[in-house]
Amino acid sequence: MVENVIWPAYLDADRSRSEGRRVPQDLAVSDPSVEEIAKAVQQIGYDATVERDKAYSREPWTDRGRVVVRGADDSTKNDLVQAVAAYVVAMRE
């Protein structure tokens, strides 16, 4: 089974693409949490595991955590991140 990792930086509106954001600005949110991301992953229909003690390689000084997604064999990582971002935006509205 394939595991994909989604870091909060992928969805962070306060970051540029070169700083790690992977979604367009209109799908990005300010300071996304791993809980929001995990809830969005579950809404899409995949299993999510939150790992709070992990640090993104571009910001090793802070442990914002990450979400490990299992069961997303049928989609590319980019499609998965875009779908999760859309759900996080919808949850915040």
PDB file of N, CA and C in Angstrom:
ATOM      1  N   MET A   1       0.834  -1.181   0.000  1.00  0.00           N
ATOM      2  CA  MET A   1       0.000   0.000   0.000  1.00  0.00           C
ATOM      3  C   MET A   1       0.880   1.246   0.000  1.00  0.00           C
ATOM      4  N   VAL A   2       0.474   2.204  -0.779  1.00  0.00           N
ATOM      5  CA  VAL A   2       1.238   3.443  -0.914  1.00  0.00           C
ATOM      6  C   VAL A   2       0.884   4.387   0.234  1.00  0.00           C
ATOM      7  N   GLU A   3       1.898   5.044   0.776  1.00  0.00           N
ATOM      8  CA  GLU A   3       1.692   6.069   1.793  1.00  0.00           C
ATOM      9  C   GLU A   3       2.144   7.401   1.225  1.00  0.00           C
ATOM     10  N   ASN A   4       1.305   8.406   1.362  1.00  0.00           N
ATOM     11  CA  ASN A   4       1.659   9.767   0.975  1.00  0.00           C
ATOM     12  C   ASN A   4       1.721  10.615   2.234  1.00  0.00           C
ATOM     13  N   VAL A   5       2.639  11.563   2.252  1.00  0.00           N
ATOM     14  CA  VAL A   5       2.779  12.463   3.390  1.00  0.00           C
ATOM     15  C   VAL A   5       2.342  13.855   2.961  1.00  0.00           C
ATOM     16  N   ILE A   6       1.497  14.466   3.779  1.00  0.00           N
ATOM     17  CA  ILE A   6       1.088  15.853   3.527  1.00  0.00           C
ATOM     18  C   ILE A   6       1.564  16.693   4.704  1.00  0.00           C
ATOM     19  N   TRP A   7       2.417  17.650   4.414  1.00  0.00           N
ATOM     20  CA  TRP A   7       2.930  18.581   5.410  1.00  0.00           C
ATOM     21  C   TRP A   7       2.047  19.827   5.406  1.00  0.00           C
ATOM     22  N   PRO A   8       1.821  20.464   6.552  1.00  0.00           N
ATOM     23  CA  PRO A   8       1.031  21.701   6.576  1.00  0.00           C
ATOM     24  C   PRO A   8       1.580  22.786   5.649  1.00  0.00           C
ATOM     25  N   ALA A   9       2.879  22.810   5.446  1.00  0.00           N
ATOM     26  CA  ALA A   9       3.480  23.818   4.559  1.00  0.00           C
ATOM     27  C   ALA A   9       2.939  23.728   3.135  1.00  0.00           C
ATOM     28  N   TYR A  10       2.505  22.549   2.707  1.00  0.00           N
ATOM     29  CA  TYR A  10       1.968  22.378   1.353  1.00  0.00           C
ATOM     30  C   TYR A  10       0.739  23.252   1.121  1.00  0.00           C
ATOM     31  N   LEU A  11      -0.017  23.540   2.194  1.00  0.00           N
ATOM     32  CA  LEU A  11      -1.280  24.274   2.078  1.00  0.00           C
ATOM     33  C   LEU A  11      -1.214  25.682   2.659  1.00  0.00           C
ATOM     34  N   ASP A  12      -0.065  26.109   3.124  1.00  0.00           N
ATOM     35  CA  ASP A  12       0.084  27.363   3.859  1.00  0.00           C
ATOM     36  C   ASP A  12       0.128  28.572   2.930  1.00  0.00           C
ATOM     37  N   ALA A  13      -0.862  29.451   3.071  1.00  0.00           N
ATOM     38  CA  ALA A  13      -0.962  30.645   2.226  1.00  0.00           C
ATOM     39  C   ALA A  13       0.157  31.641   2.503  1.00  0.00           C
ATOM     40  N   ASP A  14       0.787  31.541   3.656  1.00  0.00           N
ATOM     41  CA  ASP A  14       1.857  32.466   4.025  1.00  0.00           C
ATOM     42  C   ASP A  14       3.206  32.067   3.434  1.00  0.00           C
ATOM     43  N   ARG A  15       3.235  30.996   2.674  1.00  0.00           N
ATOM     44  CA  ARG A  15       4.472  30.521   2.045  1.00  0.00           C
ATOM     45  C   ARG A  15       4.404  30.694   0.532  1.00  0.00           C
ATOM     46  N   SER A  16       5.568  30.852  -0.050  1.00  0.00           N
ATOM     47  CA  SER A  16       5.646  30.883  -1.516  1.00  0.00           C
ATOM     48  C   SER A  16       5.838  29.454  -2.022  1.00  0.00           C
ATOM     49  N   ARG A  17       5.758  29.290  -3.320  1.00  0.00           N
ATOM     50  CA  ARG A  17       5.998  27.960  -3.898  1.00  0.00           C
ATOM     51  C   ARG A  17       7.408  27.480  -3.564  1.00  0.00           C
ATOM     52  N   SER A  18       8.371  28.385  -3.612  1.00  0.00           N
ATOM     53  CA  SER A  18       9.758  27.978  -3.329  1.00  0.00           C
ATOM     54  C   SER A  18       9.970  27.637  -1.849  1.00  0.00           C
ATOM     55  N   GLU A  19       9.064  28.078  -0.993  1.00  0.00           N
ATOM     56  CA  GLU A  19       9.151  27.760   0.431  1.00  0.00           C
ATOM     57  C   GLU A  19       8.368  26.498   0.785  1.00  0.00           C
ATOM     58  N   GLY A  20       7.740  25.866  -0.209  1.00  0.00           N
ATOM     59  CA  GLY A  20       7.096  24.583   0.040  1.00  0.00           C
ATOM     60  C   GLY A  20       5.613  24.495  -0.244  1.00  0.00           C
ATOM     61  N   ARG A  21       4.957  25.621  -0.579  1.00  0.00           N
ATOM     62  CA  ARG A  21       3.527  25.541  -0.875  1.00  0.00           C
ATOM     63  C   ARG A  21       3.338  24.798  -2.187  1.00  0.00           C
ATOM     64  N   ARG A  22       2.364  23.876  -2.236  1.00  0.00           N
ATOM     65  CA  ARG A  22       2.143  23.058  -3.426  1.00  0.00           C
ATOM     66  C   ARG A  22       0.806  23.317  -4.104  1.00  0.00           C
ATOM     67  N   VAL A  23       0.003  24.191  -3.536  1.00  0.00           N
ATOM     68  CA  VAL A  23      -1.312  24.467  -4.113  1.00  0.00           C
ATOM     69  C   VAL A  23      -1.375  25.928  -4.547  1.00  0.00           C
ATOM     70  N   PRO A  24      -2.296  26.245  -5.473  1.00  0.00           N
ATOM     71  CA  PRO A  24      -2.459  27.649  -5.863  1.00  0.00           C
ATOM     72  C   PRO A  24      -2.894  28.499  -4.670  1.00  0.00           C
ATOM     73  N   GLN A  25      -2.649  29.778  -4.752  1.00  0.00           N
ATOM     74  CA  GLN A  25      -2.962  30.684  -3.646  1.00  0.00           C
ATOM     75  C   GLN A  25      -4.444  30.638  -3.254  1.00  0.00           C
ATOM     76  N   ASP A  26      -5.343  30.424  -4.216  1.00  0.00           N
ATOM     77  CA  ASP A  26      -6.774  30.402  -3.894  1.00  0.00           C
ATOM     78  C   ASP A  26      -7.200  29.132  -3.147  1.00  0.00           C
ATOM     79  N   LEU A  27      -6.361  28.100  -3.136  1.00  0.00           N
ATOM     80  CA  LEU A  27      -6.643  26.885  -2.365  1.00  0.00           C
ATOM     81  C   LEU A  27      -5.841  26.819  -1.067  1.00  0.00           C
ATOM     82  N   ALA A  28      -4.994  27.805  -0.842  1.00  0.00           N
ATOM     83  CA  ALA A  28      -4.149  27.821   0.356  1.00  0.00           C
ATOM     84  C   ALA A  28      -4.879  28.524   1.502  1.00  0.00           C
ATOM     85  N   VAL A  29      -4.535  28.142   2.729  1.00  0.00           N
ATOM     86  CA  VAL A  29      -5.101  28.756   3.929  1.00  0.00           C
ATOM     87  C   VAL A  29      -3.962  29.185   4.846  1.00  0.00           C
ATOM     88  N   SER A  30      -4.248  30.125   5.706  1.00  0.00           N
ATOM     89  CA  SER A  30      -3.234  30.600   6.632  1.00  0.00           C
ATOM     90  C   SER A  30      -3.101  29.633   7.802  1.00  0.00           C
ATOM     91  N   ASP A  31      -1.898  29.212   8.073  1.00  0.00           N
ATOM     92  CA  ASP A  31      -1.554  28.346   9.198  1.00  0.00           C
ATOM     93  C   ASP A  31      -2.449  27.110   9.321  1.00  0.00           C
ATOM     94  N   PRO A  32      -2.409  26.212   8.338  1.00  0.00           N
ATOM     95  CA  PRO A  32      -3.219  24.992   8.421  1.00  0.00           C
ATOM     96  C   PRO A  32      -2.690  24.060   9.512  1.00  0.00           C
ATOM     97  N   SER A  33      -3.589  23.338  10.164  1.00  0.00           N
ATOM     98  CA  SER A  33      -3.182  22.414  11.223  1.00  0.00           C
ATOM     99  C   SER A  33      -3.250  20.978  10.703  1.00  0.00           C
ATOM    100  N   VAL A  34      -2.530  20.097  11.360  1.00  0.00           N
ATOM    101  CA  VAL A  34      -2.563  18.694  10.966  1.00  0.00           C
ATOM    102  C   VAL A  34      -3.936  18.086  11.228  1.00  0.00           C
ATOM    103  N   GLU A  35      -4.649  18.604  12.216  1.00  0.00           N
ATOM    104  CA  GLU A  35      -5.996  18.108  12.495  1.00  0.00           C
ATOM    105  C   GLU A  35      -6.948  18.427  11.341  1.00  0.00           C
ATOM    106  N   GLU A  36      -6.859  19.654  10.821  1.00  0.00           N
ATOM    107  CA  GLU A  36      -7.688  20.039   9.669  1.00  0.00           C
ATOM    108  C   GLU A  36      -7.366  19.177   8.457  1.00  0.00           C
ATOM    109  N   ILE A  37      -6.090  18.969   8.230  1.00  0.00           N
ATOM    110  CA  ILE A  37      -5.667  18.175   7.075  1.00  0.00           C
ATOM    111  C   ILE A  37      -6.150  16.737   7.221  1.00  0.00           C
ATOM    112  N   ALA A  38      -6.000  16.159   8.405  1.00  0.00           N
ATOM    113  CA  ALA A  38      -6.442  14.779   8.633  1.00  0.00           C
ATOM    114  C   ALA A  38      -7.951  14.647   8.447  1.00  0.00           C
ATOM    115  N   LYS A  39      -8.701  15.622   8.927  1.00  0.00           N
ATOM    116  CA  LYS A  39     -10.157  15.592   8.770  1.00  0.00           C
ATOM    117  C   LYS A  39     -10.533  15.664   7.290  1.00  0.00           C
ATOM    118  N   ALA A  40      -9.836  16.495   6.518  1.00  0.00           N
ATOM    119  CA  ALA A  40     -10.098  16.608   5.087  1.00  0.00           C
ATOM    120  C   ALA A  40      -9.763  15.303   4.366  1.00  0.00           C
ATOM    121  N   VAL A  41      -8.670  14.668   4.750  1.00  0.00           N
ATOM    122  CA  VAL A  41      -8.282  13.385   4.147  1.00  0.00           C
ATOM    123  C   VAL A  41      -9.363  12.337   4.410  1.00  0.00           C
ATOM    124  N   GLN A  42      -9.875  12.313   5.612  1.00  0.00           N
ATOM    125  CA  GLN A  42     -10.923  11.350   5.950  1.00  0.00           C
ATOM    126  C   GLN A  42     -12.212  11.646   5.196  1.00  0.00           C
ATOM    127  N   GLN A  43     -12.511  12.926   4.969  1.00  0.00           N
ATOM    128  CA  GLN A  43     -13.701  13.297   4.196  1.00  0.00           C
ATOM    129  C   GLN A  43     -13.593  12.805   2.756  1.00  0.00           C
ATOM    130  N   ILE A  44     -12.390  12.780   2.228  1.00  0.00           N
ATOM    131  CA  ILE A  44     -12.168  12.298   0.866  1.00  0.00           C
ATOM    132  C   ILE A  44     -12.313  10.783   0.804  1.00  0.00           C
ATOM    133  N   GLY A  45     -12.067  10.114   1.928  1.00  0.00           N
ATOM    134  CA  GLY A  45     -12.262   8.677   1.975  1.00  0.00           C
ATOM    135  C   GLY A  45     -11.004   7.855   2.179  1.00  0.00           C
ATOM    136  N   TYR A  46      -9.934   8.486   2.640  1.00  0.00           N
ATOM    137  CA  TYR A  46      -8.688   7.774   2.890  1.00  0.00           C
ATOM    138  C   TYR A  46      -8.402   7.740   4.382  1.00  0.00           C
ATOM    139  N   ASP A  47      -7.529   6.823   4.781  1.00  0.00           N
ATOM    140  CA  ASP A  47      -7.099   6.744   6.174  1.00  0.00           C
ATOM    141  C   ASP A  47      -5.988   7.756   6.413  1.00  0.00           C
ATOM    142  N   ALA A  48      -6.078   8.460   7.535  1.00  0.00           N
ATOM    143  CA  ALA A  48      -5.072   9.472   7.865  1.00  0.00           C
ATOM    144  C   ALA A  48      -4.507   9.199   9.251  1.00  0.00           C
ATOM    145  N   THR A  49      -3.200   9.331   9.371  1.00  0.00           N
ATOM    146  CA  THR A  49      -2.517   9.212  10.652  1.00  0.00           C
ATOM    147  C   THR A  49      -1.748  10.501  10.899  1.00  0.00           C
ATOM    148  N   VAL A  50      -1.987  11.129  12.036  1.00  0.00           N
ATOM    149  CA  VAL A  50      -1.296  12.367  12.393  1.00  0.00           C
ATOM    150  C   VAL A  50      -0.035  12.012  13.163  1.00  0.00           C
ATOM    151  N   GLU A  51       1.083  12.575  12.724  1.00  0.00           N
ATOM    152  CA  GLU A  51       2.362  12.417  13.428  1.00  0.00           C
ATOM    153  C   GLU A  51       2.811  13.812  13.851  1.00  0.00           C
ATOM    154  N   ARG A  52       2.582  14.143  15.104  1.00  0.00           N
ATOM    155  CA  ARG A  52       2.812  15.501  15.599  1.00  0.00           C
ATOM    156  C   ARG A  52       4.288  15.858  15.822  1.00  0.00           C
ATOM    157  N   ASP A  53       5.131  14.889  16.043  1.00  0.00           N
ATOM    158  CA  ASP A  53       6.523  15.162  16.401  1.00  0.00           C
ATOM    159  C   ASP A  53       7.469  15.207  15.207  1.00  0.00           C
ATOM    160  N   LYS A  54       6.953  15.491  14.034  1.00  0.00           N
ATOM    161  CA  LYS A  54       7.783  15.539  12.832  1.00  0.00           C
ATOM    162  C   LYS A  54       7.979  16.978  12.381  1.00  0.00           C
ATOM    163  N   ALA A  55       9.138  17.249  11.788  1.00  0.00           N
ATOM    164  CA  ALA A  55       9.457  18.591  11.290  1.00  0.00           C
ATOM    165  C   ALA A  55       9.708  18.534   9.791  1.00  0.00           C
ATOM    166  N   TYR A  56       9.109  19.468   9.071  1.00  0.00           N
ATOM    167  CA  TYR A  56       9.299  19.591   7.630  1.00  0.00           C
ATOM    168  C   TYR A  56      10.755  19.954   7.357  1.00  0.00           C
ATOM    169  N   SER A  57      11.333  19.381   6.332  1.00  0.00           N
ATOM    170  CA  SER A  57      12.760  19.562   6.074  1.00  0.00           C
ATOM    171  C   SER A  57      13.152  21.011   5.797  1.00  0.00           C
ATOM    172  N   ARG A  58      12.208  21.823   5.340  1.00  0.00           N
ATOM    173  CA  ARG A  58      12.520  23.228   5.087  1.00  0.00           C
ATOM    174  C   ARG A  58      12.346  24.110   6.315  1.00  0.00           C
ATOM    175  N   GLU A  59      11.861  23.534   7.398  1.00  0.00           N
ATOM    176  CA  GLU A  59      11.765  24.247   8.674  1.00  0.00           C
ATOM    177  C   GLU A  59      12.027  23.276   9.830  1.00  0.00           C
ATOM    178  N   PRO A  60      13.262  22.776   9.930  1.00  0.00           N
ATOM    179  CA  PRO A  60      13.566  21.750  10.939  1.00  0.00           C
ATOM    180  C   PRO A  60      13.522  22.244  12.379  1.00  0.00           C
ATOM    181  N   TRP A  61      13.410  23.527  12.602  1.00  0.00           N
ATOM    182  CA  TRP A  61      13.402  24.085  13.945  1.00  0.00           C
ATOM    183  C   TRP A  61      12.027  24.031  14.609  1.00  0.00           C
ATOM    184  N   THR A  62      10.988  23.645  13.862  1.00  0.00           N
ATOM    185  CA  THR A  62       9.650  23.580  14.449  1.00  0.00           C
ATOM    186  C   THR A  62       8.956  22.277  14.089  1.00  0.00           C
ATOM    187  N   ASP A  63       8.314  21.667  15.063  1.00  0.00           N
ATOM    188  CA  ASP A  63       7.580  20.413  14.842  1.00  0.00           C
ATOM    189  C   ASP A  63       6.100  20.717  14.628  1.00  0.00           C
ATOM    190  N   ARG A  64       5.718  21.004  13.381  1.00  0.00           N
ATOM    191  CA  ARG A  64       4.313  21.258  13.069  1.00  0.00           C
ATOM    192  C   ARG A  64       3.562  19.965  12.815  1.00  0.00           C
ATOM    193  N   GLY A  65       4.300  18.888  12.609  1.00  0.00           N
ATOM    194  CA  GLY A  65       3.681  17.594  12.364  1.00  0.00           C
ATOM    195  C   GLY A  65       3.440  17.349  10.887  1.00  0.00           C
ATOM    196  N   ARG A  66       2.869  16.169  10.606  1.00  0.00           N
ATOM    197  CA  ARG A  66       2.538  15.782   9.245  1.00  0.00           C
ATOM    198  C   ARG A  66       1.377  14.802   9.289  1.00  0.00           C
ATOM    199  N   VAL A  67       0.768  14.591   8.130  1.00  0.00           N
ATOM    200  CA  VAL A  67      -0.332  13.637   8.015  1.00  0.00           C
ATOM    201  C   VAL A  67       0.091  12.573   7.013  1.00  0.00           C
ATOM    202  N   VAL A  68       0.047  11.318   7.428  1.00  0.00           N
ATOM    203  CA  VAL A  68       0.361  10.198   6.551  1.00  0.00           C
ATOM    204  C   VAL A  68      -0.961   9.656   6.016  1.00  0.00           C
ATOM    205  N   VAL A  69      -1.066   9.589   4.685  1.00  0.00           N
ATOM    206  CA  VAL A  69      -2.300   9.155   4.028  1.00  0.00           C
ATOM    207  C   VAL A  69      -2.076   7.765   3.464  1.00  0.00           C
ATOM    208  N   ARG A  70      -2.958   6.851   3.841  1.00  0.00           N
ATOM    209  CA  ARG A  70      -2.879   5.475   3.334  1.00  0.00           C
ATOM    210  C   ARG A  70      -4.089   5.187   2.456  1.00  0.00           C
ATOM    211  N   GLY A  71      -3.879   4.391   1.440  1.00  0.00           N
ATOM    212  CA  GLY A  71      -4.985   3.966   0.587  1.00  0.00           C
ATOM    213  C   GLY A  71      -5.233   4.847  -0.614  1.00  0.00           C
ATOM    214  N   ALA A  72      -4.372   5.812  -0.870  1.00  0.00           N
ATOM    215  CA  ALA A  72      -4.550   6.712  -2.008  1.00  0.00           C
ATOM    216  C   ALA A  72      -3.783   6.198  -3.224  1.00  0.00           C
ATOM    217  N   ASP A  73      -3.898   4.895  -3.503  1.00  0.00           N
ATOM    218  CA  ASP A  73      -3.147   4.288  -4.604  1.00  0.00           C
ATOM    219  C   ASP A  73      -3.600   4.776  -5.968  1.00  0.00           C
ATOM    220  N   ASP A  74      -4.879   5.149  -6.075  1.00  0.00           N
ATOM    221  CA  ASP A  74      -5.457   5.467  -7.375  1.00  0.00           C
ATOM    222  C   ASP A  74      -5.268   6.920  -7.811  1.00  0.00           C
ATOM    223  N   SER A  75      -4.663   7.766  -6.985  1.00  0.00           N
ATOM    224  CA  SER A  75      -4.485   9.162  -7.372  1.00  0.00           C
ATOM    225  C   SER A  75      -3.031   9.573  -7.219  1.00  0.00           C
ATOM    226  N   THR A  76      -2.668  10.604  -7.953  1.00  0.00           N
ATOM    227  CA  THR A  76      -1.311  11.126  -7.814  1.00  0.00           C
ATOM    228  C   THR A  76      -1.246  11.990  -6.555  1.00  0.00           C
ATOM    229  N   LYS A  77      -0.059  12.230  -6.076  1.00  0.00           N
ATOM    230  CA  LYS A  77       0.096  13.032  -4.867  1.00  0.00           C
ATOM    231  C   LYS A  77      -0.422  14.449  -5.094  1.00  0.00           C
ATOM    232  N   ASN A  78      -0.170  15.003  -6.281  1.00  0.00           N
ATOM    233  CA  ASN A  78      -0.635  16.352  -6.567  1.00  0.00           C
ATOM    234  C   ASN A  78      -2.162  16.431  -6.512  1.00  0.00           C
ATOM    235  N   ASP A  79      -2.848  15.444  -7.103  1.00  0.00           N
ATOM    236  CA  ASP A  79      -4.312  15.419  -7.057  1.00  0.00           C
ATOM    237  C   ASP A  79      -4.807  15.307  -5.615  1.00  0.00           C
ATOM    238  N   LEU A  80      -4.138  14.485  -4.829  1.00  0.00           N
ATOM    239  CA  LEU A  80      -4.508  14.301  -3.430  1.00  0.00           C
ATOM    240  C   LEU A  80      -4.361  15.606  -2.655  1.00  0.00           C
ATOM    241  N   VAL A  81      -3.231  16.283  -2.813  1.00  0.00           N
ATOM    242  CA  VAL A  81      -2.983  17.537  -2.093  1.00  0.00           C
ATOM    243  C   VAL A  81      -3.996  18.606  -2.516  1.00  0.00           C
ATOM    244  N   GLN A  82      -4.315  18.676  -3.802  1.00  0.00           N
ATOM    245  CA  GLN A  82      -5.300  19.653  -4.295  1.00  0.00           C
ATOM    246  C   GLN A  82      -6.678  19.383  -3.676  1.00  0.00           C
ATOM    247  N   ALA A  83      -7.085  18.118  -3.629  1.00  0.00           N
ATOM    248  CA  ALA A  83      -8.390  17.761  -3.069  1.00  0.00           C
ATOM    249  C   ALA A  83      -8.447  18.066  -1.579  1.00  0.00           C
ATOM    250  N   VAL A  84      -7.381  17.757  -0.859  1.00  0.00           N
ATOM    251  CA  VAL A  84      -7.327  18.041   0.572  1.00  0.00           C
ATOM    252  C   VAL A  84      -7.403  19.549   0.801  1.00  0.00           C
ATOM    253  N   ALA A  85      -6.681  20.317   0.010  1.00  0.00           N
ATOM    254  CA  ALA A  85      -6.699  21.776   0.146  1.00  0.00           C
ATOM    255  C   ALA A  85      -8.105  22.329  -0.080  1.00  0.00           C
ATOM    256  N   ALA A  86      -8.803  21.805  -1.072  1.00  0.00           N
ATOM    257  CA  ALA A  86     -10.169  22.259  -1.355  1.00  0.00           C
ATOM    258  C   ALA A  86     -11.085  21.980  -0.165  1.00  0.00           C
ATOM    259  N   TYR A  87     -10.938  20.826   0.465  1.00  0.00           N
ATOM    260  CA  TYR A  87     -11.760  20.516   1.638  1.00  0.00           C
ATOM    261  C   TYR A  87     -11.414  21.397   2.818  1.00  0.00           C
ATOM    262  N   VAL A  88     -10.147  21.692   3.025  1.00  0.00           N
ATOM    263  CA  VAL A  88      -9.752  22.559   4.140  1.00  0.00           C
ATOM    264  C   VAL A  88     -10.331  23.966   3.937  1.00  0.00           C
ATOM    265  N   VAL A  89     -10.271  24.471   2.710  1.00  0.00           N
ATOM    266  CA  VAL A  89     -10.870  25.783   2.411  1.00  0.00           C
ATOM    267  C   VAL A  89     -12.368  25.755   2.696  1.00  0.00           C
ATOM    268  N   ALA A  90     -13.048  24.699   2.261  1.00  0.00           N
ATOM    269  CA  ALA A  90     -14.489  24.575   2.483  1.00  0.00           C
ATOM    270  C   ALA A  90     -14.834  24.480   3.964  1.00  0.00           C
ATOM    271  N   MET A  91     -14.001  23.793   4.751  1.00  0.00           N
ATOM    272  CA  MET A  91     -14.247  23.669   6.189  1.00  0.00           C
ATOM    273  C   MET A  91     -14.111  25.012   6.899  1.00  0.00           C
ATOM    274  N   ARG A  92     -13.236  25.866   6.400  1.00  0.00           N
ATOM    275  CA  ARG A  92     -13.005  27.153   7.042  1.00  0.00           C
ATOM    276  C   ARG A  92     -14.059  28.203   6.678  1.00  0.00           C
ATOM    277  N   GLU A  93     -14.823  27.947   5.644  1.00  0.00           N
ATOM    278  CA  GLU A  93     -15.835  28.935   5.221  1.00  0.00           C
ATOM    279  C   GLU A  93     -17.098  28.841   6.006  1.00  0.00           C
TER     280      GLU A  93
END
